Amino acid sequence: MTAVNRSAIHHKESTIDNVTLNHAKSAPPEISCDNCEACCCRLKVMLFTDTGVPDRFIESDDWGALSMRQLDDGWCAALDRNSLRCSIYQQRPLICREFEMGAEECLTERAEIIIRG
C-alpha cells in the first residue's frame, strides 16, 4: 500500500469516527447528578493547585507531576463506586470544579465512552 493510500484510509477512518462521535452527541439526554455516570472520572486529572485533596488520592509520576490516583479499573480513586459521586467533592481538584456537567467536554467524553462500548 502506498503512503497516499494509507493516508486516504486514515482520513476515511477519522471521518467515520467524527461522524459517529457527532451522532452520539447530537441528542444528549439532560444530564444530572442522578444520571451522570461519572464519565469524567476516567480522565487523567493533573493537580496544579493545592485544594486539600487527601494524600491517599494523589500519585506522582517519574518527573514529580501530581495527579489524582486511578485504580486498576481506570476510575478515579476518589469516586464512590456505589453512588458514582465524588467522595471528596468539597476538596476536589480545580480541574474537576471547572469540568461542567453537560458542557461540550462532558458530552464528548460521554459519547466516546458510548462508542467504545
N, C-alpha and C. Protein backbone atom coordinates (compact mmCIF):
# COMPACT_ATOMS: atom_id res chain seq x y z
N MET A 1 0.85 -1.18 0.00
CA MET A 1 0.00 0.00 0.00
C MET A 1 0.89 1.24 0.00
N THR A 2 0.58 2.19 -0.83
CA THR A 2 1.40 3.40 -0.89
C THR A 2 1.05 4.33 0.26
N ALA A 3 1.91 5.32 0.46
CA ALA A 3 1.68 6.30 1.52
C ALA A 3 0.38 7.06 1.28
N VAL A 4 0.09 7.34 0.01
CA VAL A 4 -1.14 8.06 -0.32
C VAL A 4 -2.36 7.23 0.07
N ASN A 5 -2.33 5.94 -0.26
CA ASN A 5 -3.46 5.07 0.08
C ASN A 5 -3.65 4.97 1.59
N ARG A 6 -2.54 4.80 2.34
CA ARG A 6 -2.65 4.73 3.79
C ARG A 6 -3.22 6.02 4.35
N SER A 7 -2.79 7.15 3.80
CA SER A 7 -3.29 8.45 4.24
C SER A 7 -4.79 8.56 3.97
N ALA A 8 -5.22 8.12 2.81
CA ALA A 8 -6.64 8.18 2.46
C ALA A 8 -7.46 7.30 3.39
N ILE A 9 -6.95 6.11 3.70
CA ILE A 9 -7.67 5.22 4.61
C ILE A 9 -7.74 5.84 5.99
N HIS A 10 -6.64 6.41 6.49
CA HIS A 10 -6.64 7.05 7.80
C HIS A 10 -7.66 8.17 7.82
N HIS A 11 -7.71 8.99 6.74
CA HIS A 11 -8.67 10.09 6.68
C HIS A 11 -10.10 9.55 6.72
N LYS A 12 -10.36 8.47 6.00
CA LYS A 12 -11.71 7.88 5.98
C LYS A 12 -12.09 7.40 7.38
N GLU A 13 -11.16 6.72 8.09
CA GLU A 13 -11.44 6.24 9.44
C GLU A 13 -11.71 7.41 10.37
N SER A 14 -10.94 8.49 10.25
CA SER A 14 -11.14 9.67 11.09
C SER A 14 -12.51 10.28 10.83
N THR A 15 -12.91 10.32 9.56
CA THR A 15 -14.22 10.87 9.21
C THR A 15 -15.33 10.03 9.82
N ILE A 16 -15.20 8.72 9.73
CA ILE A 16 -16.20 7.84 10.32
C ILE A 16 -16.26 8.06 11.83
N ASP A 17 -15.10 8.15 12.46
CA ASP A 17 -15.07 8.38 13.91
C ASP A 17 -15.75 9.69 14.26
N ASN A 18 -15.47 10.74 13.50
CA ASN A 18 -16.08 12.05 13.77
C ASN A 18 -17.58 12.03 13.54
N VAL A 19 -18.02 11.34 12.49
CA VAL A 19 -19.46 11.23 12.22
C VAL A 19 -20.14 10.48 13.35
N THR A 20 -19.56 9.38 13.77
CA THR A 20 -20.14 8.59 14.87
C THR A 20 -20.16 9.40 16.15
N LEU A 21 -19.07 10.10 16.44
CA LEU A 21 -18.98 10.93 17.64
C LEU A 21 -20.02 12.04 17.61
N ASN A 22 -20.16 12.72 16.48
CA ASN A 22 -21.14 13.79 16.37
C ASN A 22 -22.56 13.26 16.52
N HIS A 23 -22.83 12.08 16.00
CA HIS A 23 -24.16 11.48 16.14
C HIS A 23 -24.44 11.17 17.61
N ALA A 24 -23.46 10.62 18.30
CA ALA A 24 -23.65 10.27 19.71
C ALA A 24 -23.88 11.51 20.57
N LYS A 25 -23.34 12.67 20.13
CA LYS A 25 -23.51 13.91 20.89
C LYS A 25 -24.73 14.72 20.45
N SER A 26 -25.36 14.35 19.33
CA SER A 26 -26.38 15.20 18.73
C SER A 26 -27.63 15.38 19.58
N ALA A 27 -28.08 14.36 20.26
CA ALA A 27 -29.29 14.48 21.06
C ALA A 27 -29.04 13.91 22.46
N PRO A 28 -28.11 14.55 23.21
CA PRO A 28 -27.80 14.01 24.53
C PRO A 28 -28.97 14.19 25.49
N PRO A 29 -29.13 13.23 26.39
CA PRO A 29 -30.18 13.40 27.39
C PRO A 29 -29.79 14.51 28.36
N GLU A 30 -30.76 15.06 29.04
CA GLU A 30 -30.43 16.05 30.06
C GLU A 30 -29.63 15.34 31.15
N ILE A 31 -28.48 15.89 31.47
CA ILE A 31 -27.59 15.24 32.41
C ILE A 31 -27.74 15.88 33.78
N SER A 32 -27.89 15.04 34.79
CA SER A 32 -28.00 15.49 36.17
C SER A 32 -27.12 14.60 37.04
N CYS A 33 -27.02 14.91 38.31
CA CYS A 33 -26.23 14.07 39.22
C CYS A 33 -26.78 12.64 39.29
N ASP A 34 -28.08 12.49 39.02
CA ASP A 34 -28.70 11.17 39.11
C ASP A 34 -28.39 10.27 37.91
N ASN A 35 -28.06 10.85 36.75
CA ASN A 35 -27.79 10.01 35.58
C ASN A 35 -26.43 10.30 34.95
N CYS A 36 -25.55 10.92 35.67
CA CYS A 36 -24.27 11.40 35.15
C CYS A 36 -23.35 10.26 34.68
N GLU A 37 -23.27 9.20 35.40
CA GLU A 37 -22.41 8.04 35.12
C GLU A 37 -20.92 8.33 35.28
N ALA A 38 -20.57 9.51 35.76
CA ALA A 38 -19.19 9.86 36.12
C ALA A 38 -18.17 9.57 35.02
N CYS A 39 -18.53 9.83 33.79
CA CYS A 39 -17.62 9.59 32.66
C CYS A 39 -16.29 10.33 32.82
N CYS A 40 -16.32 11.52 33.37
CA CYS A 40 -15.10 12.31 33.53
C CYS A 40 -14.16 11.69 34.55
N CYS A 41 -14.65 10.80 35.38
CA CYS A 41 -13.81 10.18 36.41
C CYS A 41 -12.87 9.12 35.85
N ARG A 42 -12.87 8.97 34.54
CA ARG A 42 -11.91 8.09 33.87
C ARG A 42 -10.79 8.88 33.23
N LEU A 43 -10.89 10.20 33.27
CA LEU A 43 -9.87 11.06 32.69
C LEU A 43 -8.70 11.25 33.66
N LYS A 44 -7.52 11.48 33.12
CA LYS A 44 -6.35 11.78 33.94
C LYS A 44 -6.50 13.21 34.47
N VAL A 45 -6.46 13.39 35.78
CA VAL A 45 -6.64 14.69 36.40
C VAL A 45 -5.33 15.14 37.02
N MET A 46 -4.73 16.12 36.40
CA MET A 46 -3.49 16.69 36.91
C MET A 46 -3.82 17.67 38.03
N LEU A 47 -2.95 17.73 39.02
CA LEU A 47 -3.14 18.63 40.16
C LEU A 47 -2.16 19.79 40.03
N PHE A 48 -2.71 20.98 39.82
CA PHE A 48 -1.88 22.18 39.64
C PHE A 48 -1.92 23.10 40.85
N THR A 49 -2.96 22.96 41.66
CA THR A 49 -3.10 23.79 42.86
C THR A 49 -3.39 22.90 44.05
N ASP A 50 -3.14 23.40 45.22
CA ASP A 50 -3.44 22.66 46.44
C ASP A 50 -4.89 22.91 46.82
N THR A 51 -5.72 21.88 46.69
CA THR A 51 -7.14 22.01 47.04
C THR A 51 -7.48 21.22 48.29
N GLY A 52 -6.48 20.64 48.90
CA GLY A 52 -6.75 19.85 50.09
C GLY A 52 -7.12 18.41 49.80
N VAL A 53 -6.82 17.94 48.59
CA VAL A 53 -7.09 16.54 48.25
C VAL A 53 -6.27 15.66 49.19
N PRO A 54 -6.91 14.72 49.86
CA PRO A 54 -6.17 13.83 50.77
C PRO A 54 -5.07 13.06 50.01
N ASP A 55 -3.92 12.90 50.66
CA ASP A 55 -2.76 12.26 50.04
C ASP A 55 -3.06 10.88 49.47
N ARG A 56 -3.98 10.14 50.06
CA ARG A 56 -4.26 8.78 49.59
C ARG A 56 -4.86 8.76 48.18
N PHE A 57 -5.31 9.92 47.69
CA PHE A 57 -5.90 10.01 46.35
C PHE A 57 -4.94 10.63 45.33
N ILE A 58 -3.70 10.88 45.74
CA ILE A 58 -2.72 11.56 44.88
C ILE A 58 -1.60 10.60 44.53
N GLU A 59 -1.17 10.68 43.25
CA GLU A 59 0.01 9.92 42.83
C GLU A 59 0.97 10.87 42.11
N SER A 60 2.24 10.48 42.08
CA SER A 60 3.27 11.29 41.45
C SER A 60 3.92 10.46 40.35
N ASP A 61 4.20 11.10 39.20
CA ASP A 61 4.86 10.36 38.13
C ASP A 61 6.38 10.47 38.29
N ASP A 62 7.12 9.93 37.34
CA ASP A 62 8.58 9.90 37.41
C ASP A 62 9.21 11.29 37.42
N TRP A 63 8.49 12.30 36.95
CA TRP A 63 9.01 13.66 36.88
C TRP A 63 8.49 14.53 38.03
N GLY A 64 7.70 13.95 38.93
CA GLY A 64 7.21 14.69 40.07
C GLY A 64 5.86 15.36 39.87
N ALA A 65 5.25 15.19 38.70
CA ALA A 65 3.93 15.78 38.46
C ALA A 65 2.88 15.02 39.27
N LEU A 66 1.98 15.76 39.89
CA LEU A 66 0.96 15.16 40.72
C LEU A 66 -0.35 15.04 39.96
N SER A 67 -1.06 13.94 40.22
CA SER A 67 -2.37 13.73 39.60
C SER A 67 -3.23 12.92 40.56
N MET A 68 -4.51 12.90 40.26
CA MET A 68 -5.42 12.07 41.04
C MET A 68 -5.09 10.61 40.72
N ARG A 69 -5.06 9.79 41.75
CA ARG A 69 -4.76 8.38 41.58
C ARG A 69 -5.94 7.69 40.91
N GLN A 70 -5.64 6.82 39.97
CA GLN A 70 -6.66 5.99 39.34
C GLN A 70 -6.42 4.55 39.76
N LEU A 71 -7.49 3.83 40.01
CA LEU A 71 -7.37 2.43 40.40
C LEU A 71 -7.21 1.57 39.16
N ASP A 72 -6.99 0.28 39.36
CA ASP A 72 -6.74 -0.64 38.24
C ASP A 72 -7.89 -0.66 37.23
N ASP A 73 -9.09 -0.31 37.66
CA ASP A 73 -10.24 -0.30 36.75
C ASP A 73 -10.30 0.96 35.89
N GLY A 74 -9.35 1.90 36.11
CA GLY A 74 -9.29 3.12 35.32
C GLY A 74 -10.08 4.29 35.88
N TRP A 75 -10.83 4.07 36.95
CA TRP A 75 -11.64 5.12 37.55
C TRP A 75 -10.84 5.85 38.62
N CYS A 76 -11.18 7.09 38.86
CA CYS A 76 -10.56 7.90 39.90
C CYS A 76 -10.74 7.20 41.26
N ALA A 77 -9.68 7.22 42.06
CA ALA A 77 -9.72 6.58 43.37
C ALA A 77 -10.70 7.26 44.32
N ALA A 78 -11.03 8.54 44.06
CA ALA A 78 -11.95 9.27 44.94
C ALA A 78 -13.42 9.04 44.58
N LEU A 79 -13.67 8.32 43.51
CA LEU A 79 -15.06 8.06 43.09
C LEU A 79 -15.68 6.98 43.97
N ASP A 80 -16.81 7.28 44.57
CA ASP A 80 -17.57 6.28 45.31
C ASP A 80 -18.23 5.37 44.28
N ARG A 81 -17.83 4.12 44.24
CA ARG A 81 -18.31 3.19 43.21
C ARG A 81 -19.79 2.87 43.33
N ASN A 82 -20.37 3.01 44.50
CA ASN A 82 -21.80 2.70 44.68
C ASN A 82 -22.70 3.83 44.19
N SER A 83 -22.33 5.06 44.51
CA SER A 83 -23.18 6.20 44.14
C SER A 83 -22.72 6.89 42.86
N LEU A 84 -21.49 6.56 42.39
CA LEU A 84 -20.85 7.24 41.27
C LEU A 84 -20.75 8.74 41.49
N ARG A 85 -20.47 9.11 42.72
CA ARG A 85 -20.26 10.52 43.08
C ARG A 85 -18.90 10.66 43.77
N CYS A 86 -18.38 11.85 43.71
CA CYS A 86 -17.06 12.12 44.28
C CYS A 86 -17.11 12.05 45.81
N SER A 87 -16.22 11.26 46.38
CA SER A 87 -16.19 11.12 47.83
C SER A 87 -15.47 12.29 48.51
N ILE A 88 -14.81 13.14 47.72
CA ILE A 88 -14.12 14.32 48.28
C ILE A 88 -14.62 15.58 47.58
N TYR A 89 -15.89 15.66 47.29
CA TYR A 89 -16.46 16.72 46.49
C TYR A 89 -16.03 18.11 46.94
N GLN A 90 -16.06 18.38 48.24
CA GLN A 90 -15.68 19.70 48.75
C GLN A 90 -14.19 20.00 48.58
N GLN A 91 -13.37 18.95 48.41
CA GLN A 91 -11.92 19.11 48.27
C GLN A 91 -11.44 18.72 46.88
N ARG A 92 -12.35 18.55 45.93
CA ARG A 92 -11.96 18.09 44.60
C ARG A 92 -11.03 19.10 43.92
N PRO A 93 -10.19 18.60 43.00
CA PRO A 93 -9.24 19.48 42.31
C PRO A 93 -9.92 20.56 41.47
N LEU A 94 -9.17 21.60 41.19
CA LEU A 94 -9.68 22.72 40.40
C LEU A 94 -10.21 22.26 39.05
N ILE A 95 -9.48 21.38 38.37
CA ILE A 95 -9.93 20.94 37.06
C ILE A 95 -11.27 20.22 37.13
N CYS A 96 -11.52 19.51 38.22
CA CYS A 96 -12.82 18.85 38.42
C CYS A 96 -13.92 19.89 38.66
N ARG A 97 -13.58 20.94 39.38
CA ARG A 97 -14.54 22.01 39.64
C ARG A 97 -14.93 22.72 38.34
N GLU A 98 -13.98 22.83 37.43
CA GLU A 98 -14.22 23.55 36.18
C GLU A 98 -14.84 22.67 35.08
N PHE A 99 -14.82 21.37 35.25
CA PHE A 99 -15.39 20.45 34.26
C PHE A 99 -16.90 20.44 34.46
N GLU A 100 -17.60 21.17 33.61
CA GLU A 100 -19.03 21.40 33.80
C GLU A 100 -19.88 20.24 33.25
N MET A 101 -20.73 19.71 34.11
CA MET A 101 -21.62 18.63 33.72
C MET A 101 -22.54 19.11 32.59
N GLY A 102 -22.56 18.36 31.49
CA GLY A 102 -23.41 18.69 30.35
C GLY A 102 -22.78 19.64 29.35
N ALA A 103 -21.57 20.14 29.64
CA ALA A 103 -20.86 21.03 28.71
C ALA A 103 -20.27 20.20 27.57
N GLU A 104 -19.71 20.88 26.58
CA GLU A 104 -19.16 20.21 25.39
C GLU A 104 -18.16 19.10 25.74
N GLU A 105 -17.23 19.38 26.68
CA GLU A 105 -16.24 18.38 27.06
C GLU A 105 -16.90 17.16 27.69
N CYS A 106 -17.89 17.38 28.50
CA CYS A 106 -18.63 16.30 29.15
C CYS A 106 -19.34 15.44 28.10
N LEU A 107 -20.03 16.09 27.17
CA LEU A 107 -20.76 15.36 26.14
C LEU A 107 -19.82 14.57 25.24
N THR A 108 -18.66 15.14 24.94
CA THR A 108 -17.67 14.44 24.12
C THR A 108 -17.18 13.20 24.83
N GLU A 109 -16.84 13.32 26.10
CA GLU A 109 -16.36 12.16 26.86
C GLU A 109 -17.43 11.07 26.95
N ARG A 110 -18.67 11.47 27.21
CA ARG A 110 -19.78 10.51 27.29
C ARG A 110 -19.96 9.80 25.95
N ALA A 111 -19.91 10.55 24.86
CA ALA A 111 -20.09 9.97 23.52
C ALA A 111 -18.97 8.98 23.20
N GLU A 112 -17.73 9.33 23.56
CA GLU A 112 -16.62 8.43 23.30
C GLU A 112 -16.74 7.14 24.11
N ILE A 113 -17.23 7.21 25.32
CA ILE A 113 -17.44 6.01 26.13
C ILE A 113 -18.53 5.15 25.51
N ILE A 114 -19.59 5.77 25.02
CA ILE A 114 -20.66 5.01 24.36
C ILE A 114 -20.13 4.32 23.12
N ILE A 115 -19.33 5.01 22.33
CA ILE A 115 -18.77 4.44 21.09
C ILE A 115 -17.84 3.27 21.41
N ARG A 116 -16.99 3.44 22.43
CA ARG A 116 -16.04 2.36 22.81
C ARG A 116 -16.76 1.18 23.41
N GLY A 117 -17.96 1.41 23.91
CA GLY A 117 -18.74 0.31 24.49
C GLY A 117 -18.40 0.10 25.87
